[in-house]
Amino acid sequence: MASTFTKERLDLDKTLEQLGIDDDPRLLPAEKLATLRMTLESRSGVYHPFVGGTPSQLLNMPDRGSHAPGTFWYYNNWDFNVLGTIFEQTLQTKINVAFRERIAGPLQMQDFRLEDMYYQRASANTAAIARSIHSAYHFRLTARDMARFGYLYLRQGKWKDTQVIPADWVKESTTSYSDVGKAGGGGGGGGYGYLWWVNGFGLPVKSFNAWGALGKYIIVIPERDMVVAYQNHTELPDDALAMSDEDVNKLPTISAPQINTLLKMLVDAQR
């Protein structure tokens, strides 16, 4: 969502209803009052079945209608998926094409190809717990391309002499709007902005980070002029929602506490 046209052409305070967003099963009237900004913050209050994610996300998901939009934070794949729908419908472009033209190209990413972003969609055979019209959109990035994306944010959206992302968008999206406690990584104490985790990992300095399933991390530490990109090449199966927690936990990964230990060593060594 961090392209140069995001704030120019998308009104973050428009509601899902104003944006023409619904689902199958349909959204509740109160859920349609959630705004685009709330979905960016993972505070929509829409606890609808979703495509993608893990069994634990579904297990911990609040009941439909239990929290009014904007009042409660929950790491919510439905929010993330609907952002992709809104982006493509409003801007009339595919996410992978926009990423290539607006991000990968200017950053001279060495490995990204259009097919490195793919959609996961519900089908007629999909279980009710994962039935939604909004697709998940998965990115596969190499560690060096992840590092370039982290450096873009470290430099307030600037790459060389080009302002790829507005600096105020970088600041706004990496500001915490929710206290997420232990969910923010090893050591806890983190927050959540617009699709970015803020602080966390028990670090003594401010940071923000993005992390994906089974050990994919981009950690930006501005005070130390540092970006850490870590890539575990195990992919979460598309049918993970049908797996048990026990089976998911058997998949090779690098845990948040392990990354926490690595980050503390790097920060201490630099100091």
Foldseek 3Di string as FASTA:
>chain_A
DQFACPVVFDDQQDFQVNLVDAKVVTADPQLRNAGNQLLLQQQSQAQAQAFDDAQVLNVPGDDRPPDGGPPDHGPDVVSVLVNQVSVCVRVVDHPLVRCVVLPCVVLVQPDDDSVQKDWDADDPPHDRNHGIRGIDIDGDHDQVSLQSVLLCLLVLCDDDHDNSGHSVVSVQQQDFPAQPAPVLFPPGRWGGGRQKIWDDLPDPATWIWHDDPQEFIWIHGNVLRDIDTTDDPDDQDSVNNVDDPVVSVVGHGQGRNNVSVVVVVVVVVSD
